[in-house]
C-alpha cells in the first residue's frame, strides 16, 4: 500500500521540518514579491494620474497661449492703426500751423517749431501775455 519504492526510505521528521521551513521561506518571499508588485502598480497608477493631469494642464496652457497670441496680434494691429492716425493728425496740424505761421501768428510759429522738432511746446510765450 505504500507508493514509495523500496529503495527510498520514509522521510524523517528533520527532513519534513526542513522542507516545511523551505516552503514557509518560499511563501514569505512570494508574499513580499506580491506586495512589491502591488506597490509598483500603485506607483504606476499614481504616475499615470499625474501624467494625465500634466496633459490637461498643457492643453489648458496651450489654449491660453493661443488666446493671448490672438489678443497680442489684435493689439499690435490697433496700435499700428492708431500710430497711422496720429501721424496723419500731426501732419494735418503741421500744415495748419504752417499756414498760420506764414500769416504771422507767433503762437502758431512756436507750435509748428515744437511739432517739427518732436518736442513739447514751450508755454513761456503764453505766460508773457
Protein backbone atom coordinates (compact mmCIF):
# COMPACT_ATOMS: atom_id res chain seq x y z
CA UNK A 1 0.00 0.00 0.00
CA UNK A 2 2.99 2.19 0.20
CA UNK A 3 3.52 4.06 -3.08
CA UNK A 4 7.19 4.60 -2.41
CA UNK A 5 9.69 2.29 -3.97
CA UNK A 6 11.65 0.15 -1.61
CA UNK A 7 14.96 1.91 -2.21
CA UNK A 8 13.61 5.28 -0.82
CA UNK A 9 13.21 5.27 2.90
CA UNK A 10 10.45 7.24 4.68
CA UNK A 11 11.42 10.91 5.25
CA UNK A 12 12.43 11.66 8.76
CA UNK A 13 10.94 14.36 10.98
CA UNK A 14 14.04 16.52 10.34
CA UNK A 15 13.54 16.19 6.58
CA UNK A 16 9.88 17.19 6.89
CA UNK A 17 10.79 20.07 9.20
CA UNK A 18 13.46 21.33 6.76
CA UNK A 19 11.04 21.06 3.82
CA UNK A 20 8.40 22.94 5.84
CA UNK A 21 10.88 25.72 6.61
CA UNK A 22 11.86 25.98 2.94
CA UNK A 23 8.18 26.09 1.97
CA UNK A 24 7.49 28.84 4.55
CA UNK A 25 10.50 30.84 3.37
CA UNK A 26 9.34 30.49 -0.25
CA UNK A 27 5.82 31.59 0.73
CA UNK A 28 7.23 34.59 2.62
CA UNK A 29 9.36 35.54 -0.40
CA UNK A 30 6.32 35.17 -2.65
CA UNK A 31 4.24 37.35 -0.31
CA UNK A 32 6.94 40.05 -0.33
CA UNK A 33 7.16 39.89 -4.12
CA UNK A 34 3.37 40.24 -4.42
CA UNK A 35 3.42 43.26 -2.05
CA UNK A 36 6.25 44.88 -4.06
CA UNK A 37 4.25 44.30 -7.24
CA UNK A 38 1.13 45.87 -5.69
CA UNK A 39 3.20 48.87 -4.58
CA UNK A 40 4.71 49.20 -8.06
CA UNK A 41 1.21 49.05 -9.57
CA UNK A 42 0.02 51.79 -7.17
CA UNK A 43 3.06 53.91 -8.09
CA UNK A 44 2.33 53.29 -11.77
CA UNK A 45 -1.31 54.33 -11.33
CA UNK A 46 -0.25 57.46 -9.45
CA UNK A 47 2.25 58.29 -12.19
CA UNK A 48 -0.39 57.77 -14.87
CA UNK A 49 -2.73 60.10 -12.96
CA UNK A 50 -0.01 62.74 -12.73
CA UNK A 51 0.80 62.41 -16.42
CA UNK A 52 -2.88 62.82 -17.27
CA UNK A 53 -3.08 65.93 -15.07
CA UNK A 54 0.01 67.35 -16.78
CA UNK A 55 -1.59 66.68 -20.15
CA UNK A 56 -4.72 68.56 -19.08
CA UNK A 57 -2.58 71.46 -17.78
CA UNK A 58 -0.63 71.51 -21.03
CA UNK A 59 -3.82 71.67 -23.08
CA UNK A 60 -5.20 74.48 -20.91
CA UNK A 61 -1.95 76.43 -21.16
CA UNK A 62 -1.82 75.93 -24.94
CA UNK A 63 -5.37 77.29 -25.21
CA UNK A 64 -4.49 80.28 -23.03
CA UNK A 65 -1.39 80.93 -25.15
CA UNK A 66 -3.47 80.84 -28.33
CA UNK A 67 -5.93 83.36 -26.85
CA UNK A 68 -3.04 85.57 -25.72
CA UNK A 69 -1.45 85.45 -29.16
CA UNK A 70 -4.72 86.48 -30.80
CA UNK A 71 -5.08 89.38 -28.33
CA UNK A 72 -1.45 90.40 -28.88
CA UNK A 73 -1.87 90.45 -32.67
CA UNK A 74 -5.06 92.46 -32.34
CA UNK A 75 -3.32 94.97 -30.05
CA UNK A 76 -0.42 95.27 -32.49
CA UNK A 77 -2.84 95.92 -35.37
CA UNK A 78 -4.78 98.52 -33.37
CA UNK A 79 -1.50 100.13 -32.28
CA UNK A 80 -0.40 100.43 -35.93
CA UNK A 81 -3.77 101.93 -36.89
CA UNK A 82 -3.58 104.47 -34.04
CA UNK A 83 0.01 105.37 -34.98
CA UNK A 84 -1.06 105.94 -38.58
CA UNK A 85 -3.97 108.13 -37.45
CA UNK A 86 -1.69 110.09 -35.11
CA UNK A 87 0.83 110.60 -37.91
CA UNK A 88 -1.96 111.85 -40.17
CA UNK A 89 -3.28 114.17 -37.44
CA UNK A 90 0.20 115.54 -36.73
CA UNK A 91 0.69 116.12 -40.45
CA UNK A 92 -2.60 117.98 -40.63
CA UNK A 93 -1.75 120.09 -37.58
CA UNK A 94 1.65 120.90 -39.09
CA UNK A 95 0.01 122.02 -42.33
CA UNK A 96 -2.48 124.19 -40.46
CA UNK A 97 0.23 125.70 -38.27
CA UNK A 98 2.46 126.25 -41.29
CA UNK A 99 -0.33 128.22 -42.92
CA UNK A 100 -0.87 130.30 -39.79
CA UNK A 101 2.88 130.90 -39.40
CA UNK A 102 3.05 132.24 -42.92
CA UNK A 103 0.30 134.68 -41.93
CA UNK A 104 2.34 135.98 -38.97
CA UNK A 105 0.80 134.10 -35.98
CA UNK A 106 3.55 133.92 -33.29
CA UNK A 107 1.86 131.16 -31.27
CA UNK A 108 1.42 129.05 -34.36
CA UNK A 109 5.11 129.54 -35.12
CA UNK A 110 6.11 128.14 -31.71
CA UNK A 111 3.72 125.19 -32.04
CA UNK A 112 4.92 124.42 -35.54
CA UNK A 113 8.55 124.52 -34.43
CA UNK A 114 7.79 122.18 -31.50
CA UNK A 115 5.97 119.73 -33.74
CA UNK A 116 8.77 119.79 -36.28
CA UNK A 117 11.30 119.01 -33.55
CA UNK A 118 9.06 116.40 -31.96
CA UNK A 119 9.33 118.04 -28.52
CA UNK A 120 6.95 119.70 -26.11
CA UNK A 121 5.62 123.19 -26.71
CA UNK A 122 7.25 125.88 -24.57
CA UNK A 123 4.49 127.69 -22.71
CA UNK A 124 6.75 130.62 -21.75
CA UNK A 125 5.22 132.76 -24.51
CA UNK A 126 1.74 132.13 -23.09
CA UNK A 127 2.90 133.30 -19.69
CA UNK A 128 4.20 136.62 -21.16
CA UNK A 129 0.79 137.65 -22.50
